[in-house]
PDB file of N, CA and C in Angstrom:
ATOM      1  N   UNK A   1     -66.073  60.711 -35.342  1.00  0.00           N
ATOM      2  CA  UNK A   1     -65.080  59.263 -34.703  1.00  0.00           C
ATOM      3  C   UNK A   1     -65.051  58.427 -35.416  1.00  0.00           C
ATOM      4  N   UNK A   2     -63.847  58.124 -36.205  1.00  0.00           N
ATOM      5  CA  UNK A   2     -63.575  56.931 -36.889  1.00  0.00           C
ATOM      6  C   UNK A   2     -63.170  55.543 -36.135  1.00  0.00           C
ATOM      7  N   UNK A   3     -64.419  54.758 -37.019  1.00  0.00           N
ATOM      8  CA  UNK A   3     -64.180  53.355 -36.177  1.00  0.00           C
ATOM      9  C   UNK A   3     -62.558  52.573 -36.192  1.00  0.00           C
ATOM     10  N   UNK A   4     -61.850  52.237 -35.409  1.00  0.00           N
ATOM     11  CA  UNK A   4     -60.830  51.795 -35.387  1.00  0.00           C
ATOM     12  C   UNK A   4     -60.796  50.378 -36.122  1.00  0.00           C
ATOM     13  N   UNK A   5     -61.907  49.100 -36.217  1.00  0.00           N
ATOM     14  CA  UNK A   5     -61.976  48.194 -36.744  1.00  0.00           C
ATOM     15  C   UNK A   5     -62.265  48.511 -38.444  1.00  0.00           C
ATOM     16  N   UNK A   6     -63.457  49.227 -38.916  1.00  0.00           N
ATOM     17  CA  UNK A   6     -64.044  49.149 -40.388  1.00  0.00           C
ATOM     18  C   UNK A   6     -63.571  50.818 -40.645  1.00  0.00           C
ATOM     19  N   UNK A   7     -63.276  51.107 -40.024  1.00  0.00           N
ATOM     20  CA  UNK A   7     -62.686  53.159 -40.338  1.00  0.00           C
ATOM     21  C   UNK A   7     -63.994  53.457 -41.080  1.00  0.00           C
ATOM     22  N   UNK A   8     -65.290  53.149 -40.467  1.00  0.00           N
ATOM     23  CA  UNK A   8     -66.434  53.815 -40.749  1.00  0.00           C
ATOM     24  C   UNK A   8     -66.487  54.998 -40.135  1.00  0.00           C
ATOM     25  N   UNK A   9     -66.988  56.118 -40.318  1.00  0.00           N
ATOM     26  CA  UNK A   9     -67.236  57.148 -39.552  1.00  0.00           C
ATOM     27  C   UNK A   9     -68.676  57.299 -38.513  1.00  0.00           C
ATOM     28  N   UNK A  10     -68.127  57.354 -37.317  1.00  0.00           N
ATOM     29  CA  UNK A  10     -69.787  57.872 -36.703  1.00  0.00           C
ATOM     30  C   UNK A  10     -69.470  58.943 -35.896  1.00  0.00           C
ATOM     31  N   UNK A  11     -70.971  59.472 -35.626  1.00  0.00           N
ATOM     32  CA  UNK A  11     -71.461  60.417 -34.801  1.00  0.00           C
ATOM     33  C   UNK A  11     -69.768  60.546 -33.470  1.00  0.00           C
ATOM     34  N   UNK A  12     -69.984  61.647 -32.837  1.00  0.00           N
ATOM     35  CA  UNK A  12     -68.486  61.995 -32.121  1.00  0.00           C
ATOM     36  C   UNK A  12     -69.411  61.203 -30.623  1.00  0.00           C
ATOM     37  N   UNK A  13     -70.572  61.354 -30.563  1.00  0.00           N
ATOM     38  CA  UNK A  13     -71.154  60.408 -29.261  1.00  0.00           C
ATOM     39  C   UNK A  13     -71.561  58.861 -29.303  1.00  0.00           C
ATOM     40  N   UNK A  14     -71.205  58.580 -30.439  1.00  0.00           N
ATOM     41  CA  UNK A  14     -71.205  57.110 -30.556  1.00  0.00           C
ATOM     42  C   UNK A  14     -70.113  56.361 -29.726  1.00  0.00           C
ATOM     43  N   UNK A  15     -71.167  55.294 -28.899  1.00  0.00           N
ATOM     44  CA  UNK A  15     -70.019  54.250 -27.935  1.00  0.00           C
ATOM     45  C   UNK A  15     -69.983  53.153 -28.772  1.00  0.00           C
ATOM     46  N   UNK A  16     -70.750  52.937 -30.257  1.00  0.00           N
ATOM     47  CA  UNK A  16     -70.194  51.620 -30.710  1.00  0.00           C
ATOM     48  C   UNK A  16     -70.477  52.193 -32.363  1.00  0.00           C
ATOM     49  N   UNK A  17     -69.576  51.214 -32.875  1.00  0.00           N
ATOM     50  CA  UNK A  17     -70.045  51.627 -34.567  1.00  0.00           C
ATOM     51  C   UNK A  17     -70.993  51.410 -34.931  1.00  0.00           C
ATOM     52  N   UNK A  18     -71.571  52.355 -35.723  1.00  0.00           N
ATOM     53  CA  UNK A  18     -72.867  51.944 -36.602  1.00  0.00           C
ATOM     54  C   UNK A  18     -72.919  51.063 -37.738  1.00  0.00           C
ATOM     55  N   UNK A  19     -71.838  50.840 -38.215  1.00  0.00           N
ATOM     56  CA  UNK A  19     -71.584  49.413 -39.118  1.00  0.00           C
ATOM     57  C   UNK A  19     -71.054  48.324 -38.895  1.00  0.00           C
ATOM     58  N   UNK A  20     -70.408  47.883 -37.984  1.00  0.00           N
ATOM     59  CA  UNK A  20     -69.779  46.710 -37.665  1.00  0.00           C
ATOM     60  C   UNK A  20     -70.062  46.951 -35.957  1.00  0.00           C
ATOM     61  N   UNK A  21     -70.559  47.733 -34.819  1.00  0.00           N
ATOM     62  CA  UNK A  21     -71.096  47.480 -33.690  1.00  0.00           C
ATOM     63  C   UNK A  21     -69.962  46.842 -32.652  1.00  0.00           C
ATOM     64  N   UNK A  22     -68.739  47.056 -33.362  1.00  0.00           N
ATOM     65  CA  UNK A  22     -67.399  47.629 -32.368  1.00  0.00           C
ATOM     66  C   UNK A  22     -67.615  48.593 -31.298  1.00  0.00           C
ATOM     67  N   UNK A  23     -67.017  48.297 -29.973  1.00  0.00           N
ATOM     68  CA  UNK A  23     -67.054  49.406 -29.177  1.00  0.00           C
ATOM     69  C   UNK A  23     -66.262  49.933 -29.419  1.00  0.00           C
ATOM     70  N   UNK A  24     -66.602  51.653 -29.424  1.00  0.00           N
ATOM     71  CA  UNK A  24     -65.577  52.809 -29.769  1.00  0.00           C
ATOM     72  C   UNK A  24     -65.103  53.368 -28.461  1.00  0.00           C
ATOM     73  N   UNK A  25     -64.082  53.387 -28.499  1.00  0.00           N
ATOM     74  CA  UNK A  25     -64.001  54.193 -26.796  1.00  0.00           C
ATOM     75  C   UNK A  25     -63.385  55.909 -27.629  1.00  0.00           C
ATOM     76  N   UNK A  26     -63.944  57.227 -26.899  1.00  0.00           N
ATOM     77  CA  UNK A  26     -63.530  58.273 -27.357  1.00  0.00           C
ATOM     78  C   UNK A  26     -61.887  58.275 -27.292  1.00  0.00           C
ATOM     79  N   UNK A  27     -61.456  59.154 -28.363  1.00  0.00           N
ATOM     80  CA  UNK A  27     -59.889  59.121 -28.032  1.00  0.00           C
ATOM     81  C   UNK A  27     -59.441  60.337 -27.017  1.00  0.00           C
ATOM     82  N   UNK A  28     -58.405  60.201 -26.733  1.00  0.00           N
ATOM     83  CA  UNK A  28     -57.953  61.216 -25.292  1.00  0.00           C
ATOM     84  C   UNK A  28     -57.398  62.525 -25.970  1.00  0.00           C
ATOM     85  N   UNK A  29     -57.302  63.713 -25.607  1.00  0.00           N
ATOM     86  CA  UNK A  29     -56.877  64.924 -26.495  1.00  0.00           C
ATOM     87  C   UNK A  29     -55.185  64.814 -25.792  1.00  0.00           C
ATOM     88  N   UNK A  30     -54.445  64.588 -27.135  1.00  0.00           N
ATOM     89  CA  UNK A  30     -52.920  64.893 -26.386  1.00  0.00           C
ATOM     90  C   UNK A  30     -52.494  66.195 -26.110  1.00  0.00           C
ATOM     91  N   UNK A  31     -51.640  66.370 -25.609  1.00  0.00           N
ATOM     92  CA  UNK A  31     -50.868  67.973 -25.325  1.00  0.00           C
ATOM     93  C   UNK A  31     -50.530  68.585 -26.658  1.00  0.00           C
ATOM     94  N   UNK A  32     -50.437  67.875 -28.068  1.00  0.00           N
ATOM     95  CA  UNK A  32     -49.931  68.376 -28.847  1.00  0.00           C
ATOM     96  C   UNK A  32     -51.177  68.586 -29.836  1.00  0.00           C
ATOM     97  N   UNK A  33     -52.534  68.336 -29.413  1.00  0.00           N
ATOM     98  CA  UNK A  33     -53.544  68.653 -30.395  1.00  0.00           C
ATOM     99  C   UNK A  33     -54.203  70.287 -29.780  1.00  0.00           C
ATOM    100  N   UNK A  34     -54.469  70.597 -30.763  1.00  0.00           N
ATOM    101  CA  UNK A  34     -54.747  72.228 -30.671  1.00  0.00           C
ATOM    102  C   UNK A  34     -55.778  72.425 -29.444  1.00  0.00           C
ATOM    103  N   UNK A  35     -55.739  73.322 -29.105  1.00  0.00           N
ATOM    104  CA  UNK A  35     -56.961  73.545 -27.778  1.00  0.00           C
ATOM    105  C   UNK A  35     -57.997  74.650 -28.649  1.00  0.00           C
ATOM    106  N   UNK A  36     -58.795  74.799 -28.517  1.00  0.00           N
ATOM    107  CA  UNK A  36     -59.813  75.600 -28.682  1.00  0.00           C
ATOM    108  C   UNK A  36     -60.234  76.349 -27.551  1.00  0.00           C
ATOM    109  N   UNK A  37     -59.668  77.856 -27.419  1.00  0.00           N
ATOM    110  CA  UNK A  37     -60.065  78.742 -26.185  1.00  0.00           C
ATOM    111  C   UNK A  37     -61.362  79.408 -26.667  1.00  0.00           C
ATOM    112  N   UNK A  38     -62.175  79.349 -25.836  1.00  0.00           N
ATOM    113  CA  UNK A  38     -63.483  79.894 -25.404  1.00  0.00           C
ATOM    114  C   UNK A  38     -62.979  80.990 -25.119  1.00  0.00           C
ATOM    115  N   UNK A  39     -64.042  81.956 -24.679  1.00  0.00           N
ATOM    116  CA  UNK A  39     -64.108  83.629 -23.888  1.00  0.00           C
ATOM    117  C   UNK A  39     -64.007  83.398 -22.799  1.00  0.00           C
ATOM    118  N   UNK A  40     -64.882  82.042 -22.221  1.00  0.00           N
ATOM    119  CA  UNK A  40     -64.971  81.887 -20.626  1.00  0.00           C
ATOM    120  C   UNK A  40     -63.099  81.154 -20.282  1.00  0.00           C
ATOM    121  N   UNK A  41     -62.644  80.445 -20.991  1.00  0.00           N
ATOM    122  CA  UNK A  41     -61.229  79.988 -21.025  1.00  0.00           C
ATOM    123  C   UNK A  41     -60.495  81.155 -20.863  1.00  0.00           C
ATOM    124  N   UNK A  42     -60.918  82.432 -21.480  1.00  0.00           N
ATOM    125  CA  UNK A  42     -59.422  83.559 -21.385  1.00  0.00           C
ATOM    126  C   UNK A  42     -59.864  83.956 -20.193  1.00  0.00           C
ATOM    127  N   UNK A  43     -61.264  84.159 -19.901  1.00  0.00           N
ATOM    128  CA  UNK A  43     -61.485  84.697 -18.190  1.00  0.00           C
ATOM    129  C   UNK A  43     -61.259  83.903 -17.178  1.00  0.00           C
ATOM    130  N   UNK A  44     -61.188  82.783 -17.106  1.00  0.00           N
ATOM    131  CA  UNK A  44     -60.149  81.907 -16.299  1.00  0.00           C
ATOM    132  C   UNK A  44     -58.698  82.162 -16.095  1.00  0.00           C
ATOM    133  N   UNK A  45     -58.235  81.831 -17.828  1.00  0.00           N
ATOM    134  CA  UNK A  45     -56.969  82.220 -17.218  1.00  0.00           C
ATOM    135  C   UNK A  45     -56.352  83.671 -16.588  1.00  0.00           C
ATOM    136  N   UNK A  46     -57.075  84.673 -17.162  1.00  0.00           N
ATOM    137  CA  UNK A  46     -56.913  86.161 -16.201  1.00  0.00           C
ATOM    138  C   UNK A  46     -56.920  86.068 -15.017  1.00  0.00           C
ATOM    139  N   UNK A  47     -57.960  85.441 -14.447  1.00  0.00           N
ATOM    140  CA  UNK A  47     -58.179  85.098 -12.585  1.00  0.00           C
ATOM    141  C   UNK A  47     -57.446  84.179 -12.367  1.00  0.00           C
ATOM    142  N   UNK A  48     -56.770  83.486 -12.484  1.00  0.00           N
ATOM    143  CA  UNK A  48     -56.040  82.331 -12.195  1.00  0.00           C
ATOM    144  C   UNK A  48     -54.522  82.957 -12.177  1.00  0.00           C
ATOM    145  N   UNK A  49     -54.441  84.173 -13.353  1.00  0.00           N
ATOM    146  CA  UNK A  49     -52.751  84.538 -13.032  1.00  0.00           C
ATOM    147  C   UNK A  49     -52.890  85.519 -12.206  1.00  0.00           C
ATOM    148  N   UNK A  50     -53.983  86.470 -11.697  1.00  0.00           N
ATOM    149  CA  UNK A  50     -53.963  87.186 -10.710  1.00  0.00           C
ATOM    150  C   UNK A  50     -53.935  86.501  -9.446  1.00  0.00           C
ATOM    151  N   UNK A  51     -54.574  85.430  -8.981  1.00  0.00           N
ATOM    152  CA  UNK A  51     -54.467  84.885  -8.003  1.00  0.00           C
ATOM    153  C   UNK A  51     -52.926  84.284  -7.787  1.00  0.00           C
ATOM    154  N   UNK A  52     -52.269  83.838  -8.977  1.00  0.00           N
ATOM    155  CA  UNK A  52     -51.183  83.120  -8.786  1.00  0.00           C
ATOM    156  C   UNK A  52     -49.996  84.449  -8.377  1.00  0.00           C
ATOM    157  N   UNK A  53     -50.316  85.583  -9.067  1.00  0.00           N
ATOM    158  CA  UNK A  53     -49.275  86.736  -8.602  1.00  0.00           C
ATOM    159  C   UNK A  53     -49.736  87.157  -7.234  1.00  0.00           C
ATOM    160  N   UNK A  54     -50.659  87.064  -6.496  1.00  0.00           N
ATOM    161  CA  UNK A  54     -51.037  87.130  -5.333  1.00  0.00           C
ATOM    162  C   UNK A  54     -50.325  85.889  -4.118  1.00  0.00           C
ATOM    163  N   UNK A  55     -50.324  84.726  -4.784  1.00  0.00           N
ATOM    164  CA  UNK A  55     -49.284  83.907  -3.900  1.00  0.00           C
ATOM    165  C   UNK A  55     -47.874  83.939  -4.228  1.00  0.00           C
ATOM    166  N   UNK A  56     -47.542  84.731  -5.378  1.00  0.00           N
ATOM    167  CA  UNK A  56     -45.976  84.775  -5.639  1.00  0.00           C
ATOM    168  C   UNK A  56     -45.771  86.175  -4.540  1.00  0.00           C
ATOM    169  N   UNK A  57     -46.560  87.105  -4.455  1.00  0.00           N
ATOM    170  CA  UNK A  57     -45.883  88.228  -3.611  1.00  0.00           C
ATOM    171  C   UNK A  57     -46.379  87.752  -1.848  1.00  0.00           C
ATOM    172  N   UNK A  58     -46.604  86.892  -1.679  1.00  0.00           N
ATOM    173  CA  UNK A  58     -46.751  85.790  -0.343  1.00  0.00           C
ATOM    174  C   UNK A  58     -45.428  85.633   0.147  1.00  0.00           C
ATOM    175  N   UNK A  59     -44.555  85.140  -1.000  1.00  0.00           N
ATOM    176  CA  UNK A  59     -43.149  84.473  -0.426  1.00  0.00           C
ATOM    177  C   UNK A  59     -42.150  86.034  -0.245  1.00  0.00           C
ATOM    178  N   UNK A  60     -42.815  87.356   0.234  1.00  0.00           N
ATOM    179  CA  UNK A  60     -41.960  88.069   1.153  1.00  0.00           C
ATOM    180  C   UNK A  60     -42.343  88.068   2.485  1.00  0.00           C
ATOM    181  N   UNK A  61     -41.870  88.063   2.995  1.00  0.00           N
ATOM    182  CA  UNK A  61     -41.682  87.579   4.567  1.00  0.00           C
ATOM    183  C   UNK A  61     -42.188  88.831   5.348  1.00  0.00           C
ATOM    184  N   UNK A  62     -43.100  88.470   6.079  1.00  0.00           N
ATOM    185  CA  UNK A  62     -44.299  89.186   6.991  1.00  0.00           C
ATOM    186  C   UNK A  62     -45.564  89.430   5.968  1.00  0.00           C
ATOM    187  N   UNK A  63     -45.105  89.816   4.486  1.00  0.00           N
ATOM    188  CA  UNK A  63     -46.468  90.015   3.645  1.00  0.00           C
ATOM    189  C   UNK A  63     -46.799  88.800   3.743  1.00  0.00           C
ATOM    190  N   UNK A  64     -46.485  87.526   3.545  1.00  0.00           N
ATOM    191  CA  UNK A  64     -46.888  85.970   3.458  1.00  0.00           C
ATOM    192  C   UNK A  64     -48.101  85.843   4.543  1.00  0.00           C
ATOM    193  N   UNK A  65     -47.411  86.438   5.590  1.00  0.00           N
ATOM    194  CA  UNK A  65     -48.574  86.052   6.792  1.00  0.00           C
ATOM    195  C   UNK A  65     -49.996  86.275   6.374  1.00  0.00           C
ATOM    196  N   UNK A  66     -50.219  87.123   5.863  1.00  0.00           N
ATOM    197  CA  UNK A  66     -51.640  87.646   5.222  1.00  0.00           C
ATOM    198  C   UNK A  66     -52.229  87.037   4.089  1.00  0.00           C
ATOM    199  N   UNK A  67     -50.885  86.911   3.218  1.00  0.00           N
ATOM    200  CA  UNK A  67     -51.175  86.933   1.523  1.00  0.00           C
ATOM    201  C   UNK A  67     -51.150  85.435   1.045  1.00  0.00           C
ATOM    202  N   UNK A  68     -50.425  84.876   1.776  1.00  0.00           N
ATOM    203  CA  UNK A  68     -50.504  83.187   1.654  1.00  0.00           C
ATOM    204  C   UNK A  68     -51.723  82.389   2.059  1.00  0.00           C
ATOM    205  N   UNK A  69     -52.217  82.992   3.184  1.00  0.00           N
ATOM    206  CA  UNK A  69     -53.608  82.200   3.232  1.00  0.00           C
ATOM    207  C   UNK A  69     -54.806  82.825   2.699  1.00  0.00           C
ATOM    208  N   UNK A  70     -54.637  83.803   2.304  1.00  0.00           N
ATOM    209  CA  UNK A  70     -55.645  84.819   1.129  1.00  0.00           C
ATOM    210  C   UNK A  70     -55.446  84.012   0.326  1.00  0.00           C
ATOM    211  N   UNK A  71     -54.262  84.121  -0.820  1.00  0.00           N
ATOM    212  CA  UNK A  71     -54.067  83.291  -2.053  1.00  0.00           C
ATOM    213  C   UNK A  71     -54.585  81.946  -1.607  1.00  0.00           C
ATOM    214  N   UNK A  72     -54.119  80.912  -1.058  1.00  0.00           N
ATOM    215  CA  UNK A  72     -54.206  79.701  -0.973  1.00  0.00           C
ATOM    216  C   UNK A  72     -56.037  79.591  -0.796  1.00  0.00           C
ATOM    217  N   UNK A  73     -56.851  80.219  -0.147  1.00  0.00           N
ATOM    218  CA  UNK A  73     -58.012  80.219  -0.264  1.00  0.00           C
ATOM    219  C   UNK A  73     -58.647  80.471  -1.310  1.00  0.00           C
ATOM    220  N   UNK A  74     -58.364  81.716  -2.126  1.00  0.00           N
ATOM    221  CA  UNK A  74     -58.755  81.988  -3.198  1.00  0.00           C
ATOM    222  C   UNK A  74     -58.779  81.112  -4.457  1.00  0.00           C
ATOM    223  N   UNK A  75     -57.226  80.466  -4.204  1.00  0.00           N
ATOM    224  CA  UNK A  75     -56.897  79.593  -5.494  1.00  0.00           C
ATOM    225  C   UNK A  75     -57.874  78.127  -5.091  1.00  0.00           C
ATOM    226  N   UNK A  76     -58.137  77.620  -4.249  1.00  0.00           N
ATOM    227  CA  UNK A  76     -58.629  76.831  -3.548  1.00  0.00           C
ATOM    228  C   UNK A  76     -60.403  77.123  -4.072  1.00  0.00           C
ATOM    229  N   UNK A  77     -60.905  77.955  -3.954  1.00  0.00           N
ATOM    230  CA  UNK A  77     -62.120  78.699  -3.952  1.00  0.00           C
ATOM    231  C   UNK A  77     -62.447  78.542  -5.591  1.00  0.00           C
ATOM    232  N   UNK A  78     -61.375  78.740  -6.200  1.00  0.00           N
ATOM    233  CA  UNK A  78     -61.364  78.873  -7.455  1.00  0.00           C
ATOM    234  C   UNK A  78     -61.143  77.796  -8.290  1.00  0.00           C
ATOM    235  N   UNK A  79     -60.577  76.977  -7.947  1.00  0.00           N
ATOM    236  CA  UNK A  79     -60.578  75.691  -8.491  1.00  0.00           C
ATOM    237  C   UNK A  79     -61.640  74.639  -8.304  1.00  0.00           C
ATOM    238  N   UNK A  80     -62.425  75.303  -7.143  1.00  0.00           N
ATOM    239  CA  UNK A  80     -63.677  73.968  -6.939  1.00  0.00           C
ATOM    240  C   UNK A  80     -64.822  74.848  -7.569  1.00  0.00           C
ATOM    241  N   UNK A  81     -64.976  76.165  -7.576  1.00  0.00           N
ATOM    242  CA  UNK A  81     -66.148  76.320  -8.454  1.00  0.00           C
ATOM    243  C   UNK A  81     -65.946  76.586  -9.728  1.00  0.00           C
ATOM    244  N   UNK A  82     -64.576  76.308 -10.702  1.00  0.00           N
ATOM    245  CA  UNK A  82     -64.697  76.230 -11.769  1.00  0.00           C
ATOM    246  C   UNK A  82     -64.275  74.876 -12.546  1.00  0.00           C
ATOM    247  N   UNK A  83     -63.843  73.601 -11.659  1.00  0.00           N
ATOM    248  CA  UNK A  83     -63.352  72.481 -12.433  1.00  0.00           C
ATOM    249  C   UNK A  83     -64.474  71.548 -13.173  1.00  0.00           C
ATOM    250  N   UNK A  84     -65.759  72.019 -12.803  1.00  0.00           N
ATOM    251  CA  UNK A  84     -67.031  71.553 -13.081  1.00  0.00           C
ATOM    252  C   UNK A  84     -67.394  72.100 -15.201  1.00  0.00           C
ATOM    253  N   UNK A  85     -66.696  73.111 -15.280  1.00  0.00           N
ATOM    254  CA  UNK A  85     -66.904  74.159 -16.569  1.00  0.00           C
ATOM    255  C   UNK A  85     -65.466  73.227 -17.531  1.00  0.00           C
ATOM    256  N   UNK A  86     -66.210  72.911 -18.527  1.00  0.00           N
ATOM    257  CA  UNK A  86     -65.505  72.540 -19.514  1.00  0.00           C
ATOM    258  C   UNK A  86     -64.467  73.569 -20.265  1.00  0.00           C
ATOM    259  N   UNK A  87     -64.926  74.531 -20.112  1.00  0.00           N
ATOM    260  CA  UNK A  87     -63.646  75.438 -20.731  1.00  0.00           C
ATOM    261  C   UNK A  87     -62.962  75.972 -19.691  1.00  0.00           C
ATOM    262  N   UNK A  88     -62.961  75.254 -18.563  1.00  0.00           N
ATOM    263  CA  UNK A  88     -61.569  75.595 -17.370  1.00  0.00           C
ATOM    264  C   UNK A  88     -60.269  74.635 -17.595  1.00  0.00           C
ATOM    265  N   UNK A  89     -59.176  75.222 -17.801  1.00  0.00           N
ATOM    266  CA  UNK A  89     -57.752  74.484 -18.044  1.00  0.00           C
ATOM    267  C   UNK A  89     -57.276  74.922 -17.589  1.00  0.00           C
ATOM    268  N   UNK A  90     -57.275  75.657 -16.323  1.00  0.00           N
ATOM    269  CA  UNK A  90     -55.851  76.144 -15.682  1.00  0.00           C
ATOM    270  C   UNK A  90     -56.339  75.380 -14.386  1.00  0.00           C
ATOM    271  N   UNK A  91     -56.092  73.760 -14.606  1.00  0.00           N
ATOM    272  CA  UNK A  91     -56.792  73.266 -12.820  1.00  0.00           C
ATOM    273  C   UNK A  91     -55.252  72.977 -12.338  1.00  0.00           C
ATOM    274  N   UNK A  92     -54.188  72.722 -13.454  1.00  0.00           N
ATOM    275  CA  UNK A  92     -52.659  72.468 -12.627  1.00  0.00           C
ATOM    276  C   UNK A  92     -51.900  74.131 -12.501  1.00  0.00           C
ATOM    277  N   UNK A  93     -52.806  75.130 -12.940  1.00  0.00           N
ATOM    278  CA  UNK A  93     -52.348  76.347 -12.122  1.00  0.00           C
ATOM    279  C   UNK A  93     -53.142  76.847 -10.925  1.00  0.00           C
ATOM    280  N   UNK A  94     -54.306  76.521 -10.802  1.00  0.00           N
ATOM    281  CA  UNK A  94     -54.789  76.662  -9.480  1.00  0.00           C
ATOM    282  C   UNK A  94     -54.358  75.812  -8.704  1.00  0.00           C
ATOM    283  N   UNK A  95     -53.928  74.765  -8.589  1.00  0.00           N
ATOM    284  CA  UNK A  95     -52.976  73.876  -7.719  1.00  0.00           C
ATOM    285  C   UNK A  95     -52.018  74.182  -7.271  1.00  0.00           C
ATOM    286  N   UNK A  96     -51.178  74.532  -8.587  1.00  0.00           N
ATOM    287  CA  UNK A  96     -49.904  75.085  -7.935  1.00  0.00           C
ATOM    288  C   UNK A  96     -50.136  76.554  -7.116  1.00  0.00           C
ATOM    289  N   UNK A  97     -50.811  77.466  -7.197  1.00  0.00           N
ATOM    290  CA  UNK A  97     -51.374  78.444  -6.247  1.00  0.00           C
ATOM    291  C   UNK A  97     -51.952  78.253  -5.341  1.00  0.00           C
ATOM    292  N   UNK A  98     -52.485  77.219  -5.075  1.00  0.00           N
ATOM    293  CA  UNK A  98     -52.748  76.863  -3.533  1.00  0.00           C
ATOM    294  C   UNK A  98     -52.355  76.126  -2.848  1.00  0.00           C
ATOM    295  N   UNK A  99     -50.942  75.431  -3.499  1.00  0.00           N
ATOM    296  CA  UNK A  99     -49.699  74.886  -2.922  1.00  0.00           C
ATOM    297  C   UNK A  99     -48.872  75.767  -2.550  1.00  0.00           C
ATOM    298  N   UNK A 100     -48.703  77.209  -3.405  1.00  0.00           N
ATOM    299  CA  UNK A 100     -47.572  78.122  -2.893  1.00  0.00           C
ATOM    300  C   UNK A 100     -48.496  78.895  -1.975  1.00  0.00           C
ATOM    301  N   UNK A 101     -49.674  79.108  -2.005  1.00  0.00           N
ATOM    302  CA  UNK A 101     -49.830  79.969  -1.057  1.00  0.00           C
ATOM    303  C   UNK A 101     -49.910  79.370   0.121  1.00  0.00           C
ATOM    304  N   UNK A 102     -50.265  78.212   0.249  1.00  0.00           N
ATOM    305  CA  UNK A 102     -50.313  77.509   1.398  1.00  0.00           C
ATOM    306  C   UNK A 102     -49.240  77.368   2.216  1.00  0.00           C
ATOM    307  N   UNK A 103     -47.857  77.217   1.430  1.00  0.00           N
ATOM    308  CA  UNK A 103     -46.718  76.703   1.537  1.00  0.00           C
ATOM    309  C   UNK A 103     -45.705  78.233   2.430  1.00  0.00           C
ATOM    310  N   UNK A 104     -46.018  79.259   1.898  1.00  0.00           N
ATOM    311  CA  UNK A 104     -45.806  80.563   2.201  1.00  0.00           C
ATOM    312  C   UNK A 104     -46.427  80.853   3.314  1.00  0.00           C
ATOM    313  N   UNK A 105     -47.643  80.782   3.612  1.00  0.00           N
ATOM    314  CA  UNK A 105     -48.660  81.148   4.734  1.00  0.00           C
ATOM    315  C   UNK A 105     -47.858  80.339   5.405  1.00  0.00           C
ATOM    316  N   UNK A 106     -47.424  79.122   5.570  1.00  0.00           N
ATOM    317  CA  UNK A 106     -47.530  78.231   6.674  1.00  0.00           C
ATOM    318  C   UNK A 106     -45.977  78.508   7.000  1.00  0.00           C
ATOM    319  N   UNK A 107     -45.080  78.822   6.262  1.00  0.00           N
ATOM    320  CA  UNK A 107     -43.509  79.051   6.361  1.00  0.00           C
ATOM    321  C   UNK A 107     -43.475  80.900   7.059  1.00  0.00           C
ATOM    322  N   UNK A 108     -44.288  81.177   6.947  1.00  0.00           N
ATOM    323  CA  UNK A 108     -44.353  82.878   7.454  1.00  0.00           C
ATOM    324  C   UNK A 108     -44.493  82.629   8.809  1.00  0.00           C
ATOM    325  N   UNK A 109     -45.968  82.028   9.015  1.00  0.00           N
ATOM    326  CA  UNK A 109     -46.445  81.938  10.427  1.00  0.00           C
ATOM    327  C   UNK A 109     -45.644  81.007  11.087  1.00  0.00           C
ATOM    328  N   UNK A 110     -44.988  79.932  10.650  1.00  0.00           N
ATOM    329  CA  UNK A 110     -43.966  79.063  11.528  1.00  0.00           C
ATOM    330  C   UNK A 110     -42.754  80.000  11.838  1.00  0.00           C
ATOM    331  N   UNK A 111     -42.181  80.996  11.091  1.00  0.00           N
ATOM    332  CA  UNK A 111     -41.257  82.045  11.343  1.00  0.00           C
ATOM    333  C   UNK A 111     -40.970  82.446  12.249  1.00  0.00           C
ATOM    334  N   UNK A 112     -42.662  83.347  12.023  1.00  0.00           N
ATOM    335  CA  UNK A 112     -43.174  84.155  12.992  1.00  0.00           C
ATOM    336  C   UNK A 112     -43.202  83.808  14.453  1.00  0.00           C
ATOM    337  N   UNK A 113     -43.684  82.578  14.744  1.00  0.00           N
ATOM    338  CA  UNK A 113     -43.789  81.648  15.786  1.00  0.00           C
ATOM    339  C   UNK A 113     -42.508  81.343  16.240  1.00  0.00           C
ATOM    340  N   UNK A 114     -41.410  81.067  15.968  1.00  0.00           N
ATOM    341  CA  UNK A 114     -39.838  80.937  16.080  1.00  0.00           C
ATOM    342  C   UNK A 114     -38.971  82.229  16.653  1.00  0.00           C
ATOM    343  N   UNK A 115     -39.573  82.948  15.826  1.00  0.00           N
ATOM    344  CA  UNK A 115     -38.885  84.312  16.452  1.00  0.00           C
ATOM    345  C   UNK A 115     -39.747  84.703  17.998  1.00  0.00           C
ATOM    346  N   UNK A 116     -40.804  85.105  17.973  1.00  0.00           N
ATOM    347  CA  UNK A 116     -41.360  84.963  19.208  1.00  0.00           C
ATOM    348  C   UNK A 116     -40.825  84.218  20.545  1.00  0.00           C
ATOM    349  N   UNK A 117     -40.780  82.818  19.777  1.00  0.00           N
ATOM    350  CA  UNK A 117     -40.203  81.792  20.939  1.00  0.00           C
ATOM    351  C   UNK A 117     -38.983  82.130  21.230  1.00  0.00           C
ATOM    352  N   UNK A 118     -38.140  82.403  20.444  1.00  0.00           N
ATOM    353  CA  UNK A 118     -36.668  82.721  20.655  1.00  0.00           C
ATOM    354  C   UNK A 118     -36.466  84.059  21.486  1.00  0.00           C
ATOM    355  N   UNK A 119     -37.483  85.123  21.408  1.00  0.00           N
ATOM    356  CA  UNK A 119     -37.349  86.120  21.917  1.00  0.00           C
ATOM    357  C   UNK A 119     -37.798  86.206  23.300  1.00  0.00           C
ATOM    358  N   UNK A 120     -38.482  85.475  23.608  1.00  0.00           N
ATOM    359  CA  UNK A 120     -39.489  85.061  24.469  1.00  0.00           C
ATOM    360  C   UNK A 120     -38.427  84.318  25.374  1.00  0.00           C
ATOM    361  N   UNK A 121     -37.931  83.594  25.379  1.00  0.00           N
ATOM    362  CA  UNK A 121     -36.789  82.563  25.964  1.00  0.00           C
ATOM    363  C   UNK A 121     -35.403  83.207  26.038  1.00  0.00           C
ATOM    364  N   UNK A 122     -35.474  84.119  25.609  1.00  0.00           N
ATOM    365  CA  UNK A 122     -33.988  84.949  26.125  1.00  0.00           C
ATOM    366  C   UNK A 122     -34.042  85.812  26.589  1.00  0.00           C
TER     367      UNK A 122
END
């Protein structure tokens, strides 16, 4: 890591410059920076892709009664178990799958309740 004050080269774990003692803050990774994918990252990507597809299938009426809650639960558990791993880069995809599964599950169950209420009241 290069010091912003004196341009001296420092180890990546340094919190202050070894030459001038200025505090160094680590540079945040930008979206344009290349991401080095590890084999574990690819495993996470395959898992979240399957969960996301399950949540997409839950958009089908009546099928979403079961698949919506299952997809939301799997996405939540996957997100909670994997978020502490540095190789996990699918946090936003896991949140979208969680929201999608929850939304489709709730709307399918709400639709079923409204249909049953309409049927019972008529």
